PDB file of N, CA and C in Angstrom:
ATOM      1  N   MET A   1      36.983  76.381 -35.953  1.00  0.00           N
ATOM      2  CA  MET A   1      37.381  77.656 -35.371  1.00  0.00           C
ATOM      3  C   MET A   1      37.198  78.746 -36.420  1.00  0.00           C
ATOM      4  N   THR A   2      36.621  79.821 -36.040  1.00  0.00           N
ATOM      5  CA  THR A   2      36.457  80.946 -36.959  1.00  0.00           C
ATOM      6  C   THR A   2      37.607  81.917 -36.761  1.00  0.00           C
ATOM      7  N   ALA A   3      37.770  82.827 -37.694  1.00  0.00           N
ATOM      8  CA  ALA A   3      38.862  83.794 -37.618  1.00  0.00           C
ATOM      9  C   ALA A   3      38.703  84.730 -36.430  1.00  0.00           C
ATOM     10  N   THR A   4      37.502  84.818 -35.878  1.00  0.00           N
ATOM     11  CA  THR A   4      37.282  85.737 -34.767  1.00  0.00           C
ATOM     12  C   THR A   4      37.541  85.102 -33.406  1.00  0.00           C
ATOM     13  N   GLU A   5      37.735  83.774 -33.360  1.00  0.00           N
ATOM     14  CA  GLU A   5      38.014  83.127 -32.089  1.00  0.00           C
ATOM     15  C   GLU A   5      39.418  83.492 -31.641  1.00  0.00           C
ATOM     16  N   ALA A   6      39.549  83.766 -30.366  1.00  0.00           N
ATOM     17  CA  ALA A   6      40.861  84.104 -29.814  1.00  0.00           C
ATOM     18  C   ALA A   6      41.048  83.376 -28.490  1.00  0.00           C
ATOM     19  N   PHE A   7      42.265  83.019 -28.209  1.00  0.00           N
ATOM     20  CA  PHE A   7      42.608  82.324 -26.979  1.00  0.00           C
ATOM     21  C   PHE A   7      43.754  83.067 -26.320  1.00  0.00           C
ATOM     22  N   THR A   8      43.695  83.190 -25.014  1.00  0.00           N
ATOM     23  CA  THR A   8      44.778  83.806 -24.274  1.00  0.00           C
ATOM     24  C   THR A   8      45.710  82.710 -23.793  1.00  0.00           C
ATOM     25  N   LEU A   9      46.978  82.833 -24.152  1.00  0.00           N
ATOM     26  CA  LEU A   9      47.989  81.866 -23.759  1.00  0.00           C
ATOM     27  C   LEU A   9      48.978  82.555 -22.832  1.00  0.00           C
ATOM     28  N   GLU A  10      49.489  81.796 -21.879  1.00  0.00           N
ATOM     29  CA  GLU A  10      50.438  82.364 -20.932  1.00  0.00           C
ATOM     30  C   GLU A  10      51.769  81.639 -21.052  1.00  0.00           C
ATOM     31  N   VAL A  11      52.842  82.414 -21.166  1.00  0.00           N
ATOM     32  CA  VAL A  11      54.182  81.847 -21.211  1.00  0.00           C
ATOM     33  C   VAL A  11      54.670  81.720 -19.775  1.00  0.00           C
ATOM     34  N   LYS A  12      54.994  80.494 -19.402  1.00  0.00           N
ATOM     35  CA  LYS A  12      55.469  80.226 -18.044  1.00  0.00           C
ATOM     36  C   LYS A  12      56.952  80.555 -17.947  1.00  0.00           C
ATOM     37  N   GLU A  13      57.448  80.529 -16.722  1.00  0.00           N
ATOM     38  CA  GLU A  13      58.832  80.906 -16.443  1.00  0.00           C
ATOM     39  C   GLU A  13      59.830  80.113 -17.283  1.00  0.00           C
ATOM     40  N   ASN A  14      59.574  78.835 -17.505  1.00  0.00           N
ATOM     41  CA  ASN A  14      60.508  78.005 -18.260  1.00  0.00           C
ATOM     42  C   ASN A  14      60.257  78.042 -19.772  1.00  0.00           C
ATOM     43  N   GLY A  15      59.383  78.927 -20.224  1.00  0.00           N
ATOM     44  CA  GLY A  15      59.103  79.095 -21.644  1.00  0.00           C
ATOM     45  C   GLY A  15      57.994  78.220 -22.181  1.00  0.00           C
ATOM     46  N   ARG A  16      57.388  77.408 -21.341  1.00  0.00           N
ATOM     47  CA  ARG A  16      56.300  76.544 -21.789  1.00  0.00           C
ATOM     48  C   ARG A  16      55.010  77.345 -21.945  1.00  0.00           C
ATOM     49  N   VAL A  17      54.249  76.947 -22.967  1.00  0.00           N
ATOM     50  CA  VAL A  17      52.965  77.586 -23.230  1.00  0.00           C
ATOM     51  C   VAL A  17      51.894  76.502 -23.163  1.00  0.00           C
ATOM     52  N   PHE A  18      50.846  76.727 -22.396  1.00  0.00           N
ATOM     53  CA  PHE A  18      49.732  75.796 -22.280  1.00  0.00           C
ATOM     54  C   PHE A  18      48.706  76.121 -23.350  1.00  0.00           C
ATOM     55  N   LEU A  19      48.309  75.115 -24.120  1.00  0.00           N
ATOM     56  CA  LEU A  19      47.279  75.304 -25.142  1.00  0.00           C
ATOM     57  C   LEU A  19      45.965  74.777 -24.580  1.00  0.00           C
ATOM     58  N   PRO A  20      44.971  75.632 -24.417  1.00  0.00           N
ATOM     59  CA  PRO A  20      43.687  75.201 -23.860  1.00  0.00           C
ATOM     60  C   PRO A  20      43.043  74.093 -24.696  1.00  0.00           C
ATOM     61  N   VAL A  21      42.244  73.260 -24.041  1.00  0.00           N
ATOM     62  CA  VAL A  21      41.571  72.144 -24.704  1.00  0.00           C
ATOM     63  C   VAL A  21      40.776  72.630 -25.909  1.00  0.00           C
ATOM     64  N   ALA A  22      40.013  73.695 -25.763  1.00  0.00           N
ATOM     65  CA  ALA A  22      39.190  74.201 -26.874  1.00  0.00           C
ATOM     66  C   ALA A  22      40.063  74.577 -28.071  1.00  0.00           C
ATOM     67  N   PHE A  23      41.214  75.147 -27.817  1.00  0.00           N
ATOM     68  CA  PHE A  23      42.150  75.513 -28.884  1.00  0.00           C
ATOM     69  C   PHE A  23      42.662  74.262 -29.578  1.00  0.00           C
ATOM     70  N   ARG A  24      43.116  73.285 -28.800  1.00  0.00           N
ATOM     71  CA  ARG A  24      43.646  72.037 -29.363  1.00  0.00           C
ATOM     72  C   ARG A  24      42.582  71.312 -30.182  1.00  0.00           C
ATOM     73  N   GLN A  25      41.371  71.288 -29.667  1.00  0.00           N
ATOM     74  CA  GLN A  25      40.292  70.616 -30.392  1.00  0.00           C
ATOM     75  C   GLN A  25      39.985  71.327 -31.703  1.00  0.00           C
ATOM     76  N   SER A  26      39.921  72.629 -31.687  1.00  0.00           N
ATOM     77  CA  SER A  26      39.593  73.370 -32.905  1.00  0.00           C
ATOM     78  C   SER A  26      40.704  73.261 -33.948  1.00  0.00           C
ATOM     79  N   MET A  27      41.935  73.053 -33.496  1.00  0.00           N
ATOM     80  CA  MET A  27      43.072  72.901 -34.409  1.00  0.00           C
ATOM     81  C   MET A  27      43.318  71.442 -34.780  1.00  0.00           C
ATOM     82  N   GLY A  28      42.662  70.519 -34.072  1.00  0.00           N
ATOM     83  CA  GLY A  28      42.887  69.095 -34.321  1.00  0.00           C
ATOM     84  C   GLY A  28      44.239  68.634 -33.817  1.00  0.00           C
ATOM     85  N   ILE A  29      44.706  69.245 -32.734  1.00  0.00           N
ATOM     86  CA  ILE A  29      46.021  68.936 -32.169  1.00  0.00           C
ATOM     87  C   ILE A  29      45.883  67.847 -31.112  1.00  0.00           C
ATOM     88  N   HIS A  30      46.789  66.858 -31.193  1.00  0.00           N
ATOM     89  CA  HIS A  30      46.798  65.767 -30.229  1.00  0.00           C
ATOM     90  C   HIS A  30      48.182  65.668 -29.588  1.00  0.00           C
ATOM     91  N   SER A  31      48.256  64.989 -28.483  1.00  0.00           N
ATOM     92  CA  SER A  31      49.520  64.801 -27.783  1.00  0.00           C
ATOM     93  C   SER A  31      50.570  64.235 -28.735  1.00  0.00           C
ATOM     94  N   GLY A  32      51.733  64.836 -28.751  1.00  0.00           N
ATOM     95  CA  GLY A  32      52.824  64.380 -29.613  1.00  0.00           C
ATOM     96  C   GLY A  32      52.868  65.036 -30.976  1.00  0.00           C
ATOM     97  N   ASP A  33      51.808  65.765 -31.353  1.00  0.00           N
ATOM     98  CA  ASP A  33      51.807  66.450 -32.650  1.00  0.00           C
ATOM     99  C   ASP A  33      52.876  67.537 -32.661  1.00  0.00           C
ATOM    100  N   ARG A  34      53.399  67.804 -33.838  1.00  0.00           N
ATOM    101  CA  ARG A  34      54.385  68.873 -33.987  1.00  0.00           C
ATOM    102  C   ARG A  34      53.689  70.120 -34.529  1.00  0.00           C
ATOM    103  N   LEU A  35      54.095  71.248 -33.999  1.00  0.00           N
ATOM    104  CA  LEU A  35      53.568  72.541 -34.435  1.00  0.00           C
ATOM    105  C   LEU A  35      54.717  73.382 -34.953  1.00  0.00           C
ATOM    106  N   ILE A  36      54.412  74.275 -35.863  1.00  0.00           N
ATOM    107  CA  ILE A  36      55.412  75.200 -36.383  1.00  0.00           C
ATOM    108  C   ILE A  36      54.965  76.607 -36.041  1.00  0.00           C
ATOM    109  N   ALA A  37      55.842  77.343 -35.378  1.00  0.00           N
ATOM    110  CA  ALA A  37      55.558  78.733 -35.017  1.00  0.00           C
ATOM    111  C   ALA A  37      56.377  79.626 -35.943  1.00  0.00           C
ATOM    112  N   ARG A  38      55.700  80.535 -36.610  1.00  0.00           N
ATOM    113  CA  ARG A  38      56.362  81.481 -37.507  1.00  0.00           C
ATOM    114  C   ARG A  38      56.158  82.887 -36.976  1.00  0.00           C
ATOM    115  N   VAL A  39      57.215  83.654 -36.985  1.00  0.00           N
ATOM    116  CA  VAL A  39      57.106  85.053 -36.592  1.00  0.00           C
ATOM    117  C   VAL A  39      56.731  85.834 -37.842  1.00  0.00           C
ATOM    118  N   ALA A  40      55.519  86.380 -37.852  1.00  0.00           N
ATOM    119  CA  ALA A  40      55.029  87.138 -39.007  1.00  0.00           C
ATOM    120  C   ALA A  40      55.622  88.544 -39.010  1.00  0.00           C
ATOM    121  N   GLU A  41      55.679  89.122 -37.876  1.00  0.00           N
ATOM    122  CA  GLU A  41      56.279  90.443 -37.666  1.00  0.00           C
ATOM    123  C   GLU A  41      56.455  90.598 -36.163  1.00  0.00           C
ATOM    124  N   LYS A  42      57.154  91.609 -35.747  1.00  0.00           N
ATOM    125  CA  LYS A  42      57.391  91.783 -34.319  1.00  0.00           C
ATOM    126  C   LYS A  42      56.057  91.868 -33.576  1.00  0.00           C
ATOM    127  N   GLY A  43      55.867  90.959 -32.615  1.00  0.00           N
ATOM    128  CA  GLY A  43      54.647  90.950 -31.826  1.00  0.00           C
ATOM    129  C   GLY A  43      53.515  90.137 -32.424  1.00  0.00           C
ATOM    130  N   LYS A  44      53.758  89.519 -33.592  1.00  0.00           N
ATOM    131  CA  LYS A  44      52.712  88.742 -34.239  1.00  0.00           C
ATOM    132  C   LYS A  44      53.305  87.412 -34.725  1.00  0.00           C
ATOM    133  N   ALA A  45      52.619  86.312 -34.357  1.00  0.00           N
ATOM    134  CA  ALA A  45      53.094  84.989 -34.755  1.00  0.00           C
ATOM    135  C   ALA A  45      51.952  84.170 -35.328  1.00  0.00           C
ATOM    136  N   GLU A  46      52.320  83.121 -36.050  1.00  0.00           N
ATOM    137  CA  GLU A  46      51.362  82.186 -36.624  1.00  0.00           C
ATOM    138  C   GLU A  46      51.745  80.803 -36.139  1.00  0.00           C
ATOM    139  N   LEU A  47      50.773  80.031 -35.706  1.00  0.00           N
ATOM    140  CA  LEU A  47      51.002  78.682 -35.217  1.00  0.00           C
ATOM    141  C   LEU A  47      50.232  77.722 -36.112  1.00  0.00           C
ATOM    142  N   VAL A  48      50.950  76.800 -36.769  1.00  0.00           N
ATOM    143  CA  VAL A  48      50.311  75.843 -37.670  1.00  0.00           C
ATOM    144  C   VAL A  48      50.782  74.433 -37.335  1.00  0.00           C
ATOM    145  N   THR A  49      49.945  73.455 -37.650  1.00  0.00           N
ATOM    146  CA  THR A  49      50.358  72.076 -37.460  1.00  0.00           C
ATOM    147  C   THR A  49      51.356  71.725 -38.563  1.00  0.00           C
ATOM    148  N   ALA A  50      52.255  70.807 -38.264  1.00  0.00           N
ATOM    149  CA  ALA A  50      53.226  70.369 -39.270  1.00  0.00           C
ATOM    150  C   ALA A  50      52.489  69.780 -40.472  1.00  0.00           C
ATOM    151  N   GLU A  51      51.395  69.075 -40.204  1.00  0.00           N
ATOM    152  CA  GLU A  51      50.590  68.486 -41.278  1.00  0.00           C
ATOM    153  C   GLU A  51      50.074  69.572 -42.221  1.00  0.00           C
ATOM    154  N   HIS A  52      49.605  70.674 -41.663  1.00  0.00           N
ATOM    155  CA  HIS A  52      49.111  71.780 -42.485  1.00  0.00           C
ATOM    156  C   HIS A  52      50.250  72.402 -43.300  1.00  0.00           C
ATOM    157  N   ALA A  53      51.405  72.577 -42.674  1.00  0.00           N
ATOM    158  CA  ALA A  53      52.549  73.170 -43.370  1.00  0.00           C
ATOM    159  C   ALA A  53      52.979  72.298 -44.545  1.00  0.00           C
ATOM    160  N   ILE A  54      52.986  70.970 -44.349  1.00  0.00           N
ATOM    161  CA  ILE A  54      53.359  70.049 -45.425  1.00  0.00           C
ATOM    162  C   ILE A  54      52.340  70.118 -46.552  1.00  0.00           C
ATOM    163  N   ALA A  55      51.063  70.123 -46.211  1.00  0.00           N
ATOM    164  CA  ALA A  55      50.011  70.203 -47.224  1.00  0.00           C
ATOM    165  C   ALA A  55      50.125  71.507 -48.019  1.00  0.00           C
ATOM    166  N   SER A  56      50.435  72.595 -47.342  1.00  0.00           N
ATOM    167  CA  SER A  56      50.599  73.884 -48.020  1.00  0.00           C
ATOM    168  C   SER A  56      51.780  73.847 -48.979  1.00  0.00           C
ATOM    169  N   ALA A  57      52.884  73.248 -48.536  1.00  0.00           N
ATOM    170  CA  ALA A  57      54.069  73.156 -49.392  1.00  0.00           C
ATOM    171  C   ALA A  57      53.775  72.302 -50.620  1.00  0.00           C
ATOM    172  N   ARG A  58      53.078  71.190 -50.417  1.00  0.00           N
ATOM    173  CA  ARG A  58      52.715  70.345 -51.553  1.00  0.00           C
ATOM    174  C   ARG A  58      51.826  71.120 -52.528  1.00  0.00           C
ATOM    175  N   GLY A  59      50.928  71.909 -51.986  1.00  0.00           N
ATOM    176  CA  GLY A  59      50.039  72.705 -52.826  1.00  0.00           C
ATOM    177  C   GLY A  59      50.795  73.723 -53.651  1.00  0.00           C
ATOM    178  N   MET A  60      51.853  74.297 -53.084  1.00  0.00           N
ATOM    179  CA  MET A  60      52.642  75.296 -53.798  1.00  0.00           C
ATOM    180  C   MET A  60      53.326  74.696 -55.021  1.00  0.00           C
ATOM    181  N   PHE A  61      53.663  73.388 -54.954  1.00  0.00           N
ATOM    182  CA  PHE A  61      54.391  72.750 -56.037  1.00  0.00           C
ATOM    183  C   PHE A  61      53.525  71.818 -56.882  1.00  0.00           C
ATOM    184  N   ALA A  62      52.235  71.774 -56.605  1.00  0.00           N
ATOM    185  CA  ALA A  62      51.333  70.870 -57.317  1.00  0.00           C
ATOM    186  C   ALA A  62      51.326  71.132 -58.815  1.00  0.00           C
ATOM    187  N   HIS A  63      51.491  72.377 -59.209  1.00  0.00           N
ATOM    188  CA  HIS A  63      51.464  72.714 -60.631  1.00  0.00           C
ATOM    189  C   HIS A  63      52.656  72.135 -61.398  1.00  0.00           C
ATOM    190  N   LEU A  64      53.672  71.647 -60.693  1.00  0.00           N
ATOM    191  CA  LEU A  64      54.857  71.100 -61.343  1.00  0.00           C
ATOM    192  C   LEU A  64      54.741  69.600 -61.633  1.00  0.00           C
ATOM    193  N   THR A  65      53.673  68.970 -61.151  1.00  0.00           N
ATOM    194  CA  THR A  65      53.519  67.531 -61.353  1.00  0.00           C
ATOM    195  C   THR A  65      52.575  67.251 -62.508  1.00  0.00           C
ATOM    196  N   VAL A  66      52.734  66.066 -63.057  1.00  0.00           N
ATOM    197  CA  VAL A  66      51.852  65.600 -64.120  1.00  0.00           C
ATOM    198  C   VAL A  66      50.952  64.546 -63.497  1.00  0.00           C
ATOM    199  N   ASP A  67      49.654  64.660 -63.718  1.00  0.00           N
ATOM    200  CA  ASP A  67      48.700  63.724 -63.127  1.00  0.00           C
ATOM    201  C   ASP A  67      49.074  62.276 -63.427  1.00  0.00           C
ATOM    202  N   GLY A  68      49.090  61.458 -62.374  1.00  0.00           N
ATOM    203  CA  GLY A  68      49.336  60.035 -62.528  1.00  0.00           C
ATOM    204  C   GLY A  68      50.795  59.654 -62.651  1.00  0.00           C
ATOM    205  N   GLU A  69      51.702  60.607 -62.710  1.00  0.00           N
ATOM    206  CA  GLU A  69      53.121  60.305 -62.840  1.00  0.00           C
ATOM    207  C   GLU A  69      53.851  60.642 -61.555  1.00  0.00           C
ATOM    208  N   SER A  70      54.744  59.763 -61.168  1.00  0.00           N
ATOM    209  CA  SER A  70      55.572  60.001 -59.996  1.00  0.00           C
ATOM    210  C   SER A  70      56.949  60.442 -60.471  1.00  0.00           C
ATOM    211  N   LEU A  71      57.311  61.662 -60.150  1.00  0.00           N
ATOM    212  CA  LEU A  71      58.618  62.157 -60.560  1.00  0.00           C
ATOM    213  C   LEU A  71      59.729  61.394 -59.867  1.00  0.00           C
ATOM    214  N   ALA A  72      59.477  60.940 -58.653  1.00  0.00           N
ATOM    215  CA  ALA A  72      60.472  60.156 -57.924  1.00  0.00           C
ATOM    216  C   ALA A  72      60.714  58.831 -58.638  1.00  0.00           C
ATOM    217  N   GLU A  73      59.636  58.158 -59.043  1.00  0.00           N
ATOM    218  CA  GLU A  73      59.774  56.889 -59.757  1.00  0.00           C
ATOM    219  C   GLU A  73      60.480  57.099 -61.096  1.00  0.00           C
ATOM    220  N   GLU A  74      60.169  58.176 -61.770  1.00  0.00           N
ATOM    221  CA  GLU A  74      60.811  58.496 -63.038  1.00  0.00           C
ATOM    222  C   GLU A  74      62.310  58.699 -62.846  1.00  0.00           C
ATOM    223  N   LEU A  75      62.698  59.409 -61.796  1.00  0.00           N
ATOM    224  CA  LEU A  75      64.111  59.652 -61.504  1.00  0.00           C
ATOM    225  C   LEU A  75      64.822  58.344 -61.163  1.00  0.00           C
ATOM    226  N   ILE A  76      64.192  57.496 -60.367  1.00  0.00           N
ATOM    227  CA  ILE A  76      64.787  56.208 -60.002  1.00  0.00           C
ATOM    228  C   ILE A  76      65.002  55.357 -61.255  1.00  0.00           C
ATOM    229  N   ALA A  77      64.007  55.304 -62.119  1.00  0.00           N
ATOM    230  CA  ALA A  77      64.129  54.529 -63.357  1.00  0.00           C
ATOM    231  C   ALA A  77      65.263  55.071 -64.222  1.00  0.00           C
ATOM    232  N   GLU A  78      65.376  56.384 -64.297  1.00  0.00           N
ATOM    233  CA  GLU A  78      66.450  57.003 -65.092  1.00  0.00           C
ATOM    234  C   GLU A  78      67.810  56.630 -64.529  1.00  0.00           C
ATOM    235  N   ARG A  79      67.947  56.697 -63.221  1.00  0.00           N
ATOM    236  CA  ARG A  79      69.231  56.354 -62.576  1.00  0.00           C
ATOM    237  C   ARG A  79      69.573  54.893 -62.796  1.00  0.00           C
ATOM    238  N   ARG A  80      68.566  54.011 -62.762  1.00  0.00           N
ATOM    239  CA  ARG A  80      68.813  52.584 -63.000  1.00  0.00           C
ATOM    240  C   ARG A  80      69.276  52.339 -64.434  1.00  0.00           C
ATOM    241  N   ARG A  81      68.664  53.051 -65.388  1.00  0.00           N
ATOM    242  CA  ARG A  81      69.087  52.915 -66.779  1.00  0.00           C
ATOM    243  C   ARG A  81      70.535  53.367 -66.941  1.00  0.00           C
ATOM    244  N   GLU A  82      70.892  54.481 -66.306  1.00  0.00           N
ATOM    245  CA  GLU A  82      72.259  54.991 -66.392  1.00  0.00           C
ATOM    246  C   GLU A  82      73.250  54.014 -65.762  1.00  0.00           C
ATOM    247  N   ALA A  83      72.853  53.396 -64.634  1.00  0.00           N
ATOM    248  CA  ALA A  83      73.747  52.462 -63.948  1.00  0.00           C
ATOM    249  C   ALA A  83      73.950  51.182 -64.757  1.00  0.00           C
ATOM    250  N   ALA A  84      72.947  50.814 -65.555  1.00  0.00           N
ATOM    251  CA  ALA A  84      73.009  49.589 -66.347  1.00  0.00           C
ATOM    252  C   ALA A  84      73.908  49.757 -67.568  1.00  0.00           C
ATOM    253  N   GLU A  85      74.162  50.969 -67.990  1.00  0.00           N
ATOM    254  CA  GLU A  85      74.973  51.231 -69.191  1.00  0.00           C
ATOM    255  C   GLU A  85      76.439  51.003 -68.954  1.00  0.00           C
TER     256      GLU A  85
END
Protein backbone atom coordinates (compact mmCIF):
# COMPACT_ATOMS: atom_id res chain seq x y z
CA MET A 1 0.00 0.00 0.00
CA THR A 2 1.34 3.42 -0.85
CA ALA A 3 0.76 6.55 1.19
CA THR A 4 -1.63 7.80 -1.48
CA GLU A 5 -4.02 4.84 -1.25
CA ALA A 6 -7.23 5.66 0.55
CA PHE A 7 -10.22 3.58 1.55
CA THR A 8 -13.67 4.75 2.51
CA LEU A 9 -14.96 3.06 5.64
CA GLU A 10 -18.49 3.28 6.97
CA VAL A 11 -19.42 3.18 10.64
CA LYS A 12 -22.58 1.15 11.08
CA GLU A 13 -25.30 1.85 13.62
CA ASN A 14 -23.77 -0.52 16.20
CA GLY A 15 -20.30 1.02 15.79
CA ARG A 16 -18.87 -1.72 13.59
CA VAL A 17 -16.55 -0.76 10.77
CA PHE A 18 -16.10 -2.98 7.70
CA LEU A 19 -12.54 -3.19 6.38
CA PRO A 20 -12.51 -3.85 2.62
CA VAL A 21 -10.60 -6.90 1.36
CA ALA A 22 -8.05 -4.72 -0.49
CA PHE A 23 -7.36 -2.80 2.73
CA ARG A 24 -6.94 -5.98 4.80
CA GLN A 25 -4.66 -7.51 2.19
CA SER A 26 -2.46 -4.43 1.92
CA MET A 27 -2.16 -4.29 5.73
CA GLY A 28 -1.66 -8.05 6.09
CA ILE A 29 -4.70 -8.30 8.37
CA HIS A 30 -6.34 -11.67 8.95
CA SER A 31 -9.40 -12.80 10.87
CA GLY A 32 -8.75 -12.57 14.60
CA ASP A 33 -5.86 -10.10 14.31
CA ARG A 34 -5.81 -7.25 16.79
CA LEU A 35 -5.62 -3.65 15.62
CA ILE A 36 -4.79 -0.53 17.58
CA ALA A 37 -6.59 2.71 16.76
CA ARG A 38 -4.92 5.91 17.90
CA VAL A 39 -6.51 9.32 17.78
CA ALA A 40 -3.84 11.60 16.29
CA GLU A 41 -5.97 14.71 16.55
CA LYS A 42 -9.64 15.54 16.33
CA GLY A 43 -10.93 14.02 13.09
CA LYS A 44 -7.73 12.10 12.37
CA ALA A 45 -6.86 8.55 13.45
CA GLU A 46 -4.15 5.98 12.83
CA LEU A 47 -4.87 2.26 12.56
CA VAL A 48 -1.96 -0.15 13.11
CA THR A 49 -1.66 -3.87 13.64
CA ALA A 50 -0.70 -4.95 17.16
CA GLU A 51 2.31 -6.69 15.60
CA HIS A 52 3.48 -3.39 14.11
CA ALA A 53 2.96 -1.55 17.41
CA ILE A 54 5.03 -4.16 19.28
CA ALA A 55 7.81 -4.01 16.69
CA SER A 56 7.85 -0.20 16.95
CA ALA A 57 8.06 -0.35 20.74
CA ARG A 58 10.92 -2.84 20.57
CA GLY A 59 12.68 -0.56 18.12
CA MET A 60 12.36 2.40 20.48
CA PHE A 61 14.20 0.47 23.21
CA ALA A 62 16.68 -1.44 21.03
CA HIS A 63 19.47 0.97 21.93
CA LEU A 64 19.21 -0.17 25.57
CA THR A 65 20.16 -3.79 24.84
CA VAL A 66 23.56 -5.34 24.44
CA ASP A 67 23.95 -7.65 21.45
CA GLY A 68 23.69 -11.31 22.40
CA GLU A 69 22.67 -10.64 26.01
CA SER A 70 19.23 -11.21 27.45
CA LEU A 71 18.44 -8.71 30.16
CA ALA A 72 15.63 -10.96 31.36
CA GLU A 73 18.02 -13.90 31.77
CA GLU A 74 20.51 -11.65 33.54
CA LEU A 75 17.81 -10.48 35.98
CA ILE A 76 16.65 -14.06 36.64
CA ALA A 77 20.23 -15.17 37.34
CA GLU A 78 20.73 -12.22 39.70
CA ARG A 79 17.54 -13.04 41.60
CA ARG A 80 18.59 -16.69 41.90
CA ARG A 81 21.97 -15.67 43.31
CA GLU A 82 20.26 -13.41 45.85
CA ALA A 83 17.83 -16.18 46.84
CA ALA A 84 20.70 -18.64 47.33
CA GLU A 85 22.47 -16.34 49.83
